[in-house]
Protein backbone atom coordinates (compact mmCIF):
# COMPACT_ATOMS: atom_id res chain seq x y z
CA MET A 1 -16.53 5.60 -5.06
CA ASP A 2 -15.50 7.90 -7.86
CA TYR A 3 -12.44 9.40 -6.19
CA ASP A 4 -11.35 10.99 -9.56
CA ARG A 5 -14.33 13.25 -9.17
CA TYR A 6 -14.62 13.56 -5.39
CA ASP A 7 -11.09 13.67 -4.20
CA ARG A 8 -8.99 15.99 -6.38
CA ILE A 9 -7.91 18.74 -4.00
CA ARG A 10 -4.59 18.61 -2.14
CA ALA A 11 -4.08 21.78 -0.10
CA VAL A 12 -0.86 20.52 1.72
CA GLN A 13 1.91 19.37 -0.66
CA TRP A 14 5.39 18.25 0.22
CA GLN A 15 7.80 19.17 -2.53
CA GLY A 16 10.95 17.40 -1.34
CA ASP A 17 12.73 20.49 0.07
CA HIS A 18 9.83 22.76 0.96
CA LEU A 19 6.10 22.64 1.96
CA ARG A 20 3.59 24.13 -0.42
CA LEU A 21 0.24 25.32 1.11
CA LEU A 22 -2.79 26.56 -0.70
CA ASP A 23 -3.58 29.93 0.94
CA GLN A 24 -7.10 29.52 2.18
CA ARG A 25 -7.48 33.04 3.16
CA LEU A 26 -7.78 34.11 -0.48
CA LEU A 27 -10.21 31.50 -1.78
CA PRO A 28 -12.39 31.47 -3.74
CA GLN A 29 -11.26 34.62 -5.46
CA GLU A 30 -7.60 33.54 -5.91
CA GLU A 31 -5.78 30.25 -5.74
CA ARG A 32 -2.32 31.24 -4.53
CA TRP A 33 0.27 28.89 -2.99
CA ILE A 34 2.62 29.61 -0.13
CA ASP A 35 6.07 27.91 -0.14
CA CYS A 36 7.43 27.31 3.38
CA THR A 37 11.10 26.55 3.73
CA SER A 38 11.38 26.67 7.56
CA ALA A 39 9.51 25.59 10.61
CA ALA A 40 8.95 29.25 11.48
CA GLN A 41 7.13 29.84 8.15
CA VAL A 42 4.90 26.82 8.72
CA THR A 43 4.07 28.08 12.20
CA GLN A 44 3.17 31.50 10.81
CA ALA A 45 0.94 29.97 8.12
CA ILE A 46 -0.88 27.98 10.86
CA LYS A 47 -1.30 31.10 13.06
CA ASP A 48 -2.52 33.20 10.13
CA LEU A 49 -5.08 30.51 9.04
CA ALA A 50 -3.46 30.17 5.60
CA VAL A 51 -3.65 26.49 6.47
CA ARG A 52 -6.56 25.54 8.75
CA GLY A 53 -8.64 22.46 9.70
CA ALA A 54 -7.50 20.26 12.52
CA PRO A 55 -6.02 17.35 10.48
CA ALA A 56 -4.33 19.75 7.93
CA ILE A 57 -2.78 21.74 10.83
CA GLY A 58 -1.25 18.57 12.25
CA ILE A 59 0.07 17.40 8.84
CA ALA A 60 1.66 20.85 8.09
CA ALA A 61 3.22 20.88 11.57
CA ALA A 62 4.74 17.39 10.96
CA TRP A 63 6.33 18.78 7.77
CA GLY A 64 7.53 21.81 9.73
CA VAL A 65 9.55 19.42 11.90
CA VAL A 66 11.00 17.91 8.74
CA LEU A 67 12.14 21.30 7.51
CA ALA A 68 13.74 22.08 10.81
CA ALA A 69 15.63 18.73 10.77
CA LYS A 70 16.81 19.24 7.15
CA GLN A 71 18.17 22.71 8.05
CA GLY A 72 19.89 21.40 11.09
CA GLU A 73 17.84 23.59 13.41
CA PRO A 74 17.52 22.59 17.13
CA LEU A 75 14.29 20.37 17.09
CA VAL A 76 13.14 20.96 20.67
CA PRO A 77 12.53 24.68 20.10
CA ALA A 78 10.98 23.98 16.67
CA LEU A 79 8.51 21.55 18.34
CA ALA A 80 7.62 24.03 20.96
CA MET A 81 7.09 26.87 18.43
CA LEU A 82 4.82 24.72 16.28
CA ARG A 83 2.90 23.46 19.26
CA ALA A 84 2.08 26.97 20.33
CA ALA A 85 0.67 27.95 16.95
CA ARG A 86 -3.00 27.03 17.76
CA PRO A 87 -4.20 25.84 21.23
CA THR A 88 -7.48 23.97 20.56
CA ALA A 89 -7.02 21.51 17.76
CA VAL A 90 -5.53 18.33 19.38
CA ASN A 91 -4.36 17.02 15.94
CA LEU A 92 -1.57 19.51 16.15
CA MET A 93 -0.32 18.17 19.48
CA TRP A 94 -0.84 14.52 18.31
CA ALA A 95 1.21 14.96 15.18
CA LEU A 96 4.01 16.74 16.97
CA ASP A 97 4.12 14.11 19.69
CA ARG A 98 4.41 11.46 17.04
CA MET A 99 7.24 13.28 15.40
CA LYS A 100 8.91 13.81 18.88
CA ALA A 101 8.75 10.04 19.47
CA ARG A 102 10.68 9.42 16.27
CA ILE A 103 13.21 12.10 17.21
CA ASP A 104 13.67 10.61 20.66
CA ALA A 105 14.23 7.20 18.97
CA GLY A 106 17.14 8.77 17.04
CA ALA A 107 15.43 9.37 13.70
CA ASP A 108 17.40 11.44 11.18
CA ALA A 109 15.83 13.85 8.64
CA ALA A 110 15.07 11.13 6.11
CA ALA A 111 13.21 9.03 8.79
CA LEU A 112 11.29 12.12 9.94
CA GLU A 113 10.25 12.71 6.36
CA ARG A 114 8.93 9.21 6.08
CA GLU A 115 6.98 9.72 9.31
CA ALA A 116 5.35 12.97 8.11
CA GLN A 117 4.33 11.30 4.86
CA ALA A 118 2.88 8.39 6.85
CA ILE A 119 0.80 10.88 8.89
CA GLN A 120 -0.50 12.45 5.67
CA ASP A 121 -1.16 9.10 3.95
CA GLU A 122 -2.95 7.64 6.99
CA ASP A 123 -5.18 10.69 7.19
CA LEU A 124 -6.35 10.24 3.67
CA ALA A 125 -7.18 6.57 4.21
CA ALA A 126 -9.06 7.38 7.41
CA ASN A 127 -11.08 10.06 5.69
CA ARG A 128 -12.19 7.70 2.92
CA HIS A 129 -13.19 5.02 5.39
CA MET A 130 -15.03 7.53 7.64
CA GLY A 131 -16.90 8.61 4.51
CA GLU A 132 -18.22 5.14 3.97
CA LEU A 133 -19.18 4.61 7.64
CA GLY A 134 -20.89 7.97 8.03
CA ALA A 135 -22.79 7.68 4.69
CA GLY A 136 -24.12 4.35 5.89
CA LEU A 137 -26.04 6.04 8.65
CA ILE A 138 -27.96 8.33 6.29
CA ALA A 139 -31.30 7.30 4.75
CA PRO A 140 -31.71 7.80 0.92
CA GLN A 141 -32.99 11.10 -0.36
CA SER A 142 -31.82 13.02 2.70
CA GLY A 143 -30.82 16.65 3.00
CA VAL A 144 -27.88 17.61 5.25
CA LEU A 145 -26.44 20.77 6.79
CA THR A 146 -22.73 21.27 7.41
CA HIS A 147 -20.83 23.97 9.17
CA CYS A 148 -17.38 25.45 8.55
CA ASN A 149 -15.07 23.54 6.18
CA THR A 150 -14.23 19.92 6.73
CA GLY A 151 -13.18 18.87 3.28
CA SER A 152 -10.01 18.39 1.38
CA LEU A 153 -8.86 21.85 2.31
CA ALA A 154 -8.95 20.93 5.96
CA THR A 155 -7.34 17.49 5.65
CA SER A 156 -4.97 15.55 3.50
CA GLY A 157 -7.89 15.03 1.04
CA PHE A 158 -11.51 13.94 0.67
CA GLY A 159 -12.41 15.37 4.15
CA THR A 160 -14.10 14.34 7.39
CA ALA A 161 -17.67 15.59 7.54
CA LEU A 162 -17.43 16.63 3.92
CA GLY A 163 -16.04 13.19 3.10
CA VAL A 164 -19.20 11.71 4.51
CA ILE A 165 -21.23 14.13 2.41
CA ARG A 166 -19.21 13.26 -0.70
CA ALA A 167 -19.70 9.51 -0.05
CA GLY A 168 -23.41 10.11 0.65
CA VAL A 169 -23.94 12.04 -2.58
CA ALA A 170 -21.98 9.41 -4.58
CA SER A 171 -24.15 6.61 -3.11
CA GLY A 172 -27.43 8.41 -3.71
CA ARG A 173 -28.17 8.86 -0.05
CA ILE A 174 -27.79 12.65 0.02
CA GLU A 175 -29.91 14.75 -2.42
CA GLN A 176 -29.19 18.25 -1.15
CA VAL A 177 -26.42 19.96 0.84
CA TYR A 178 -26.74 23.15 2.83
CA ALA A 179 -23.71 24.99 4.06
CA GLY A 180 -23.72 27.64 6.75
CA GLU A 181 -21.59 30.65 5.95
CA THR A 182 -19.55 30.44 9.20
CA ARG A 183 -18.68 33.89 10.38
CA PRO A 184 -16.35 35.63 10.88
CA TRP A 185 -13.95 33.87 8.49
CA GLN A 186 -16.77 32.54 6.25
CA GLN A 187 -15.17 29.12 5.80
CA GLY A 188 -18.51 27.63 4.78
CA ALA A 189 -19.18 30.40 2.27
CA ARG A 190 -15.63 30.66 0.80
CA LEU A 191 -14.27 27.20 1.19
CA THR A 192 -17.03 24.63 1.52
CA MET A 193 -19.09 26.03 -1.33
CA TRP A 194 -15.87 26.19 -3.42
CA GLU A 195 -15.33 22.43 -2.88
CA LEU A 196 -18.96 21.45 -3.38
CA VAL A 197 -19.33 23.45 -6.62
CA ARG A 198 -16.06 22.03 -7.94
CA ASP A 199 -17.46 18.50 -7.37
CA GLY A 200 -20.87 19.26 -8.91
CA ILE A 201 -22.67 18.49 -5.68
CA PRO A 202 -26.10 20.12 -5.23
CA ALA A 203 -25.52 22.73 -2.52
CA LYS A 204 -27.02 25.91 -1.20
CA LEU A 205 -25.39 28.47 1.06
CA ILE A 206 -27.41 29.68 4.00
CA ALA A 207 -26.82 32.48 6.54
CA ASP A 208 -25.83 31.03 9.92
CA SER A 209 -28.96 32.55 11.34
CA ALA A 210 -31.17 30.63 8.92
CA ALA A 211 -30.24 27.19 10.31
CA SER A 212 -33.16 26.73 12.68
CA HIS A 213 -35.70 27.99 10.06
CA LEU A 214 -34.20 25.44 7.66
CA MET A 215 -34.48 22.56 10.14
CA ARG A 216 -38.09 23.50 10.85
CA SER A 217 -38.91 23.30 7.14
CA GLY A 218 -38.00 19.56 7.12
CA ALA A 219 -35.35 20.03 4.39
CA VAL A 220 -32.55 18.45 6.40
CA GLN A 221 -32.33 15.14 8.28
CA TRP A 222 -28.73 15.33 9.43
CA VAL A 223 -26.32 18.05 10.70
CA ILE A 224 -22.78 16.75 9.84
CA VAL A 225 -19.78 18.55 11.35
CA GLY A 226 -16.09 17.95 12.03
CA ALA A 227 -14.24 18.44 15.27
CA ASP A 228 -11.06 19.95 16.60
CA ARG A 229 -11.03 17.98 19.84
CA ILE A 230 -13.20 15.24 21.29
CA ALA A 231 -13.09 14.72 25.03
CA ALA A 232 -13.18 11.36 26.81
CA ASN A 233 -16.92 11.69 27.54
CA GLY A 234 -17.69 12.57 23.89
CA ASP A 235 -18.00 16.35 24.31
CA THR A 236 -16.73 17.93 21.13
CA ALA A 237 -15.06 21.20 20.37
CA ASN A 238 -15.68 22.53 16.86
CA LYS A 239 -16.00 25.77 15.00
CA ILE A 240 -17.96 28.46 16.86
CA GLY A 241 -21.65 28.03 16.01
CA THR A 242 -21.68 24.27 16.18
CA TYR A 243 -23.27 24.15 19.66
CA GLN A 244 -26.26 26.14 18.63
CA LEU A 245 -26.72 23.89 15.63
CA ALA A 246 -26.83 20.82 17.92
CA ILE A 247 -29.41 22.47 20.20
CA ALA A 248 -31.59 23.40 17.24
CA ALA A 249 -31.18 19.90 15.73
CA ARG A 250 -32.37 18.21 18.86
CA HIS A 251 -35.39 20.50 19.10
CA HIS A 252 -36.40 19.75 15.50
CA GLY A 253 -35.68 16.03 15.50
CA VAL A 254 -32.68 16.39 13.16
CA LYS A 255 -29.82 14.02 13.82
CA PHE A 256 -26.35 15.28 14.59
CA MET A 257 -23.12 13.62 13.40
CA VAL A 258 -19.50 14.44 14.30
CA VAL A 259 -16.88 13.06 11.97
CA ALA A 260 -13.11 13.22 12.82
CA PRO A 261 -10.09 10.89 12.83
CA SER A 262 -9.13 9.11 16.01
CA SER A 263 -6.16 11.58 16.39
CA THR A 264 -8.79 14.18 17.28
CA VAL A 265 -9.92 12.12 20.31
CA ASP A 266 -8.19 13.29 23.45
CA MET A 267 -8.81 10.73 26.25
CA ALA A 268 -6.67 12.83 28.55
CA THR A 269 -9.30 15.53 28.54
CA ALA A 270 -12.19 14.36 30.71
CA SER A 271 -14.88 16.64 29.31
CA GLY A 272 -15.44 19.73 27.26
CA GLU A 273 -15.12 21.87 30.41
CA ASP A 274 -11.35 21.20 30.21
CA ILE A 275 -10.88 22.23 26.52
CA GLU A 276 -9.10 25.53 26.04
CA ILE A 277 -11.16 27.62 23.70
CA GLU A 278 -9.01 29.93 21.48
CA LEU A 279 -9.85 33.59 21.41
CA ARG A 280 -8.79 35.61 18.38
CA GLU A 281 -8.54 39.35 17.68
CA SER A 282 -11.78 41.21 17.82
CA ALA A 283 -10.83 42.91 14.53
CA GLU A 284 -11.73 39.64 12.76
CA LEU A 285 -15.32 40.05 13.81
CA LEU A 286 -15.45 43.80 13.20
CA SER A 287 -14.34 43.45 9.58
CA VAL A 288 -15.11 41.56 6.39
CA ALA A 289 -12.19 40.63 4.19
CA GLY A 290 -10.02 43.10 6.04
CA ARG A 291 -12.48 45.96 5.58
CA ARG A 292 -14.01 47.34 8.77
CA THR A 293 -17.82 47.12 8.82
CA VAL A 294 -18.55 48.16 12.45
CA VAL A 295 -18.35 51.61 13.88
CA GLU A 296 -14.99 52.73 15.22
CA GLY A 297 -14.74 52.34 19.00
CA ALA A 298 -16.83 49.15 19.09
CA ASP A 299 -15.31 46.06 20.58
CA ALA A 300 -16.11 42.33 20.03
CA TRP A 301 -15.79 38.90 21.69
CA ASN A 302 -14.37 36.42 19.13
CA PRO A 303 -14.11 32.78 20.39
CA VAL A 304 -13.17 30.51 17.55
CA PHE A 305 -14.65 27.27 18.92
CA ASP A 306 -17.47 26.12 21.16
CA VAL A 307 -18.18 22.76 22.85
CA THR A 308 -21.18 20.50 22.05
CA PRO A 309 -22.15 18.24 24.90
CA ALA A 310 -22.09 14.55 24.10
CA ASP A 311 -25.81 14.17 24.91
CA LEU A 312 -26.65 16.29 21.87
CA ILE A 313 -24.54 14.10 19.55
CA ASP A 314 -26.24 11.12 17.77
CA ALA A 315 -23.08 9.69 16.26
CA ILE A 316 -19.33 10.19 16.41
CA VAL A 317 -17.67 8.67 13.33
CA THR A 318 -13.95 7.85 13.30
CA GLU A 319 -11.92 5.48 11.18
CA ARG A 320 -12.11 2.99 14.13
CA GLY A 321 -15.88 2.85 13.92
CA VAL A 322 -19.14 4.57 14.89
CA ILE A 323 -20.19 5.44 18.45
CA GLU A 324 -23.92 6.18 18.58
CA ARG A 325 -25.09 8.37 21.45
CA PRO A 326 -21.55 8.70 22.90
CA THR A 327 -20.88 8.13 26.55
CA THR A 328 -17.70 7.90 28.61
CA LEU A 329 -17.95 4.05 28.65
CA ALA A 330 -18.50 3.86 24.95
CA MET A 331 -15.52 6.14 24.30
CA GLN A 332 -13.31 4.09 26.66
CA ALA A 333 -14.36 0.93 24.90
CA MET A 334 -13.17 2.18 21.48
CA PHE A 335 -10.24 4.45 22.46
CA GLY A 336 -9.04 3.20 25.82
CA ARG A 337 -8.59 5.24 28.95
């Protein structure tokens, strides 16, 4: 695997005394960095989607705890503040629980810094391993469709679903990548295409509404997506629009793959019915890049995520292994109760 070509982006960077985040709201037009010196600033960056993607949110939050410790802030309120930043992505809660366990064990700021670095390093190793596992499921000369952004921008590096795509391209299994635009924040158009073009990967952007037509044409054999939370039965919460892709994929005989680290699996959540779906301001849907495009007086419903039932998923790929056609028993066998 040529990681020098396919793993060059680092959107979350610890600088020793502050956290540097690539502001993903401004890509691809501008590459601007945000320097966070407090847990409150990290929290705001997460809320504002300057940093996004479930693994990256968890990593950033862990560094937020380190900043609080270095500044002598009370850690319990800092943990609560960071935890409340986004409700759906379980990686945020997982990373903060891991940091809290170290705090409860008496860790000082230096020990917390080592723990946050371990969380970030482990995510990168997991992504690279998932890339190999997922790519191994794909037949040569395949086309794939992905949704939202699941690459280096959303993780510590390489990516989850986009890591599988990178590994698949590098191994000659994937010939063409299609990326849905992903309204209303256009993560596919702005971020995924930015990553794919930088890597020289053959990629085409499609309107979200073109996905079923694309599948019908026979151009894609897999839909490959990430996840923000995977329930104990295999139901998966991901960016809004994922569920309809899974329905269309099943109708057209296209396989559907979910790629996420084991920290995204929440065995305490029985099914997708129990996952809280974040709602954001209607203004995000009524505007494009901050400019209103819908008539004044109109309202909108703006859920950020939806849930894909396990019976529409052909494979869940984590660094622990692959679960094909996920069930509660299969999930329990790999992740425990």
